[in-house]
């Protein structure tokens, strides 16, 4: 709604499958992988974590002749609750054989 209301076209934004949160790596979209992710998610035991996303980072990217826009809503600093939640998610993913290869920061990308 906000995209249409502001006159933006979906085709100029990063593809929706790149819109993401920050708690895991991306894994292939197969039925088996979805089941692993669902089991891992069900196994996460952590306290709720509130993030204050108080910065916006923008970027314009050109790939194969197509220009896309990407915005990252970011938090200043790393809240301790985020690190605890991230550790719980990583542990749950590892029980399903899914390794996390990269670090993650508190942000949401669209």
C-alpha atoms as a PDB file:
ATOM      1  CA  UNK A   1       0.000   0.000   0.000  1.00  0.00           C
ATOM      2  CA  UNK A   2       2.749   2.461   0.959  1.00  0.00           C
ATOM      3  CA  UNK A   3       4.552   1.684  -2.282  1.00  0.00           C
ATOM      4  CA  UNK A   4       1.513   2.441  -4.437  1.00  0.00           C
ATOM      5  CA  UNK A   5       0.474   5.432  -2.325  1.00  0.00           C
ATOM      6  CA  UNK A   6       3.858   7.065  -2.905  1.00  0.00           C
ATOM      7  CA  UNK A   7       3.863   6.482  -6.633  1.00  0.00           C
ATOM      8  CA  UNK A   8       6.593   3.841  -6.583  1.00  0.00           C
ATOM      9  CA  UNK A   9       6.476   0.902  -8.922  1.00  0.00           C
ATOM     10  CA  UNK A  10       7.245  -2.543  -7.537  1.00  0.00           C
ATOM     11  CA  UNK A  11       9.546  -3.164 -10.514  1.00  0.00           C
ATOM     12  CA  UNK A  12      11.969  -0.465  -9.317  1.00  0.00           C
ATOM     13  CA  UNK A  13      12.322  -1.920  -5.804  1.00  0.00           C
ATOM     14  CA  UNK A  14      14.471  -4.878  -4.917  1.00  0.00           C
ATOM     15  CA  UNK A  15      12.628  -8.143  -5.617  1.00  0.00           C
ATOM     16  CA  UNK A  16      10.255  -9.092  -2.799  1.00  0.00           C
ATOM     17  CA  UNK A  17      12.143 -12.360  -2.231  1.00  0.00           C
ATOM     18  CA  UNK A  18      15.066 -10.166  -1.083  1.00  0.00           C
ATOM     19  CA  UNK A  19      12.922  -8.406   1.542  1.00  0.00           C
ATOM     20  CA  UNK A  20      14.126  -9.939   4.762  1.00  0.00           C
ATOM     21  CA  UNK A  21      14.726  -9.824   8.452  1.00  0.00           C
ATOM     22  CA  UNK A  22      18.083 -10.391  10.049  1.00  0.00           C
ATOM     23  CA  UNK A  23      18.093 -13.638  12.001  1.00  0.00           C
ATOM     24  CA  UNK A  24      19.278 -16.239   9.487  1.00  0.00           C
ATOM     25  CA  UNK A  25      20.943 -16.811   6.183  1.00  0.00           C
ATOM     26  CA  UNK A  26      18.831 -17.405   3.100  1.00  0.00           C
ATOM     27  CA  UNK A  27      18.203 -21.028   2.253  1.00  0.00           C
ATOM     28  CA  UNK A  28      16.844 -22.568  -0.927  1.00  0.00           C
ATOM     29  CA  UNK A  29      13.064 -22.666  -1.230  1.00  0.00           C
ATOM     30  CA  UNK A  30      12.288 -26.379  -1.365  1.00  0.00           C
ATOM     31  CA  UNK A  31       9.650 -28.351   0.532  1.00  0.00           C
ATOM     32  CA  UNK A  32      12.401 -30.078   2.546  1.00  0.00           C
ATOM     33  CA  UNK A  33      14.042 -26.766   3.443  1.00  0.00           C
ATOM     34  CA  UNK A  34      10.713 -25.238   4.460  1.00  0.00           C
ATOM     35  CA  UNK A  35      10.105 -28.176   6.814  1.00  0.00           C
ATOM     36  CA  UNK A  36      13.563 -27.747   8.362  1.00  0.00           C
ATOM     37  CA  UNK A  37      12.967 -24.021   8.817  1.00  0.00           C
ATOM     38  CA  UNK A  38       9.536 -24.637  10.369  1.00  0.00           C
ATOM     39  CA  UNK A  39      10.976 -27.183  12.816  1.00  0.00           C
ATOM     40  CA  UNK A  40      13.847 -24.820  13.679  1.00  0.00           C
ATOM     41  CA  UNK A  41      11.437 -21.931  14.213  1.00  0.00           C
ATOM     42  CA  UNK A  42       9.251 -24.057  16.456  1.00  0.00           C
ATOM     43  CA  UNK A  43      12.334 -24.904  18.514  1.00  0.00           C
ATOM     44  CA  UNK A  44      13.451 -21.332  19.188  1.00  0.00           C
ATOM     45  CA  UNK A  45      13.259 -20.481  22.881  1.00  0.00           C
ATOM     46  CA  UNK A  46      14.024 -16.814  23.507  1.00  0.00           C
ATOM     47  CA  UNK A  47      12.652 -13.700  25.141  1.00  0.00           C
ATOM     48  CA  UNK A  48      10.918 -11.122  23.038  1.00  0.00           C
ATOM     49  CA  UNK A  49      13.179  -8.440  21.653  1.00  0.00           C
ATOM     50  CA  UNK A  50      12.148  -4.908  20.752  1.00  0.00           C
ATOM     51  CA  UNK A  51      14.326  -3.110  18.230  1.00  0.00           C
ATOM     52  CA  UNK A  52      14.245   0.591  17.611  1.00  0.00           C
ATOM     53  CA  UNK A  53      14.912   1.036  13.909  1.00  0.00           C
ATOM     54  CA  UNK A  54      16.069   4.633  13.881  1.00  0.00           C
ATOM     55  CA  UNK A  55      18.127   4.922  10.689  1.00  0.00           C
ATOM     56  CA  UNK A  56      17.398   4.367   7.018  1.00  0.00           C
ATOM     57  CA  UNK A  57      20.085   3.416   4.519  1.00  0.00           C
ATOM     58  CA  UNK A  58      19.254   3.552   0.843  1.00  0.00           C
ATOM     59  CA  UNK A  59      20.904   2.112  -2.179  1.00  0.00           C
ATOM     60  CA  UNK A  60      20.423   1.986  -5.914  1.00  0.00           C
ATOM     61  CA  UNK A  61      21.781  -1.103  -7.627  1.00  0.00           C
ATOM     62  CA  UNK A  62      22.229  -1.936 -11.283  1.00  0.00           C
ATOM     63  CA  UNK A  63      22.267  -5.572 -12.295  1.00  0.00           C
ATOM     64  CA  UNK A  64      22.035  -6.827 -15.873  1.00  0.00           C
ATOM     65  CA  UNK A  65      20.724  -3.475 -17.070  1.00  0.00           C
ATOM     66  CA  UNK A  66      17.977  -3.250 -14.443  1.00  0.00           C
ATOM     67  CA  UNK A  67      17.997  -0.608 -11.711  1.00  0.00           C
ATOM     68  CA  UNK A  68      16.524  -1.478  -8.310  1.00  0.00           C
ATOM     69  CA  UNK A  69      16.127   0.463  -5.080  1.00  0.00           C
ATOM     70  CA  UNK A  70      16.750  -1.093  -1.689  1.00  0.00           C
ATOM     71  CA  UNK A  71      16.130   0.434   1.734  1.00  0.00           C
ATOM     72  CA  UNK A  72      17.475  -0.899   5.018  1.00  0.00           C
ATOM     73  CA  UNK A  73      15.804   0.158   8.242  1.00  0.00           C
ATOM     74  CA  UNK A  74      18.521  -0.141  10.887  1.00  0.00           C
ATOM     75  CA  UNK A  75      19.061   0.119  14.610  1.00  0.00           C
ATOM     76  CA  UNK A  76      21.848   2.162  16.117  1.00  0.00           C
ATOM     77  CA  UNK A  77      24.023  -0.228  18.109  1.00  0.00           C
ATOM     78  CA  UNK A  78      23.347  -3.875  18.941  1.00  0.00           C
ATOM     79  CA  UNK A  79      20.799  -4.455  21.687  1.00  0.00           C
ATOM     80  CA  UNK A  80      21.759  -7.351  23.993  1.00  0.00           C
ATOM     81  CA  UNK A  81      18.313  -8.875  23.477  1.00  0.00           C
ATOM     82  CA  UNK A  82      19.033  -9.125  19.733  1.00  0.00           C
ATOM     83  CA  UNK A  83      22.228 -11.089  20.304  1.00  0.00           C
ATOM     84  CA  UNK A  84      20.410 -13.518  22.628  1.00  0.00           C
ATOM     85  CA  UNK A  85      17.625 -14.001  20.080  1.00  0.00           C
ATOM     86  CA  UNK A  86      20.151 -14.463  17.277  1.00  0.00           C
ATOM     87  CA  UNK A  87      21.991 -17.133  19.320  1.00  0.00           C
ATOM     88  CA  UNK A  88      18.712 -18.996  19.946  1.00  0.00           C
ATOM     89  CA  UNK A  89      17.830 -18.947  16.233  1.00  0.00           C
ATOM     90  CA  UNK A  90      21.322 -20.132  15.242  1.00  0.00           C
ATOM     91  CA  UNK A  91      21.118 -22.984  17.741  1.00  0.00           C
ATOM     92  CA  UNK A  92      17.708 -24.071  16.448  1.00  0.00           C
ATOM     93  CA  UNK A  93      18.920 -23.939  12.838  1.00  0.00           C
ATOM     94  CA  UNK A  94      22.003 -25.987  13.699  1.00  0.00           C
ATOM     95  CA  UNK A  95      19.810 -28.762  15.132  1.00  0.00           C
ATOM     96  CA  UNK A  96      18.332 -29.033  11.625  1.00  0.00           C
ATOM     97  CA  UNK A  97      21.783 -29.085  10.017  1.00  0.00           C
ATOM     98  CA  UNK A  98      21.518 -25.507   8.760  1.00  0.00           C
ATOM     99  CA  UNK A  99      24.662 -23.499   9.339  1.00  0.00           C
ATOM    100  CA  UNK A 100      24.702 -19.723   9.550  1.00  0.00           C
ATOM    101  CA  UNK A 101      27.749 -18.508   7.649  1.00  0.00           C
ATOM    102  CA  UNK A 102      27.420 -14.764   8.056  1.00  0.00           C
ATOM    103  CA  UNK A 103      26.914 -12.286  10.850  1.00  0.00           C
ATOM    104  CA  UNK A 104      23.616 -10.472  11.171  1.00  0.00           C
ATOM    105  CA  UNK A 105      22.758  -6.989  12.328  1.00  0.00           C
ATOM    106  CA  UNK A 106      19.479  -5.559  13.580  1.00  0.00           C
ATOM    107  CA  UNK A 107      17.766  -4.375  10.397  1.00  0.00           C
ATOM    108  CA  UNK A 108      14.940  -5.011   7.984  1.00  0.00           C
ATOM    109  CA  UNK A 109      15.505  -4.651   4.261  1.00  0.00           C
ATOM    110  CA  UNK A 110      12.913  -3.869   1.604  1.00  0.00           C
END
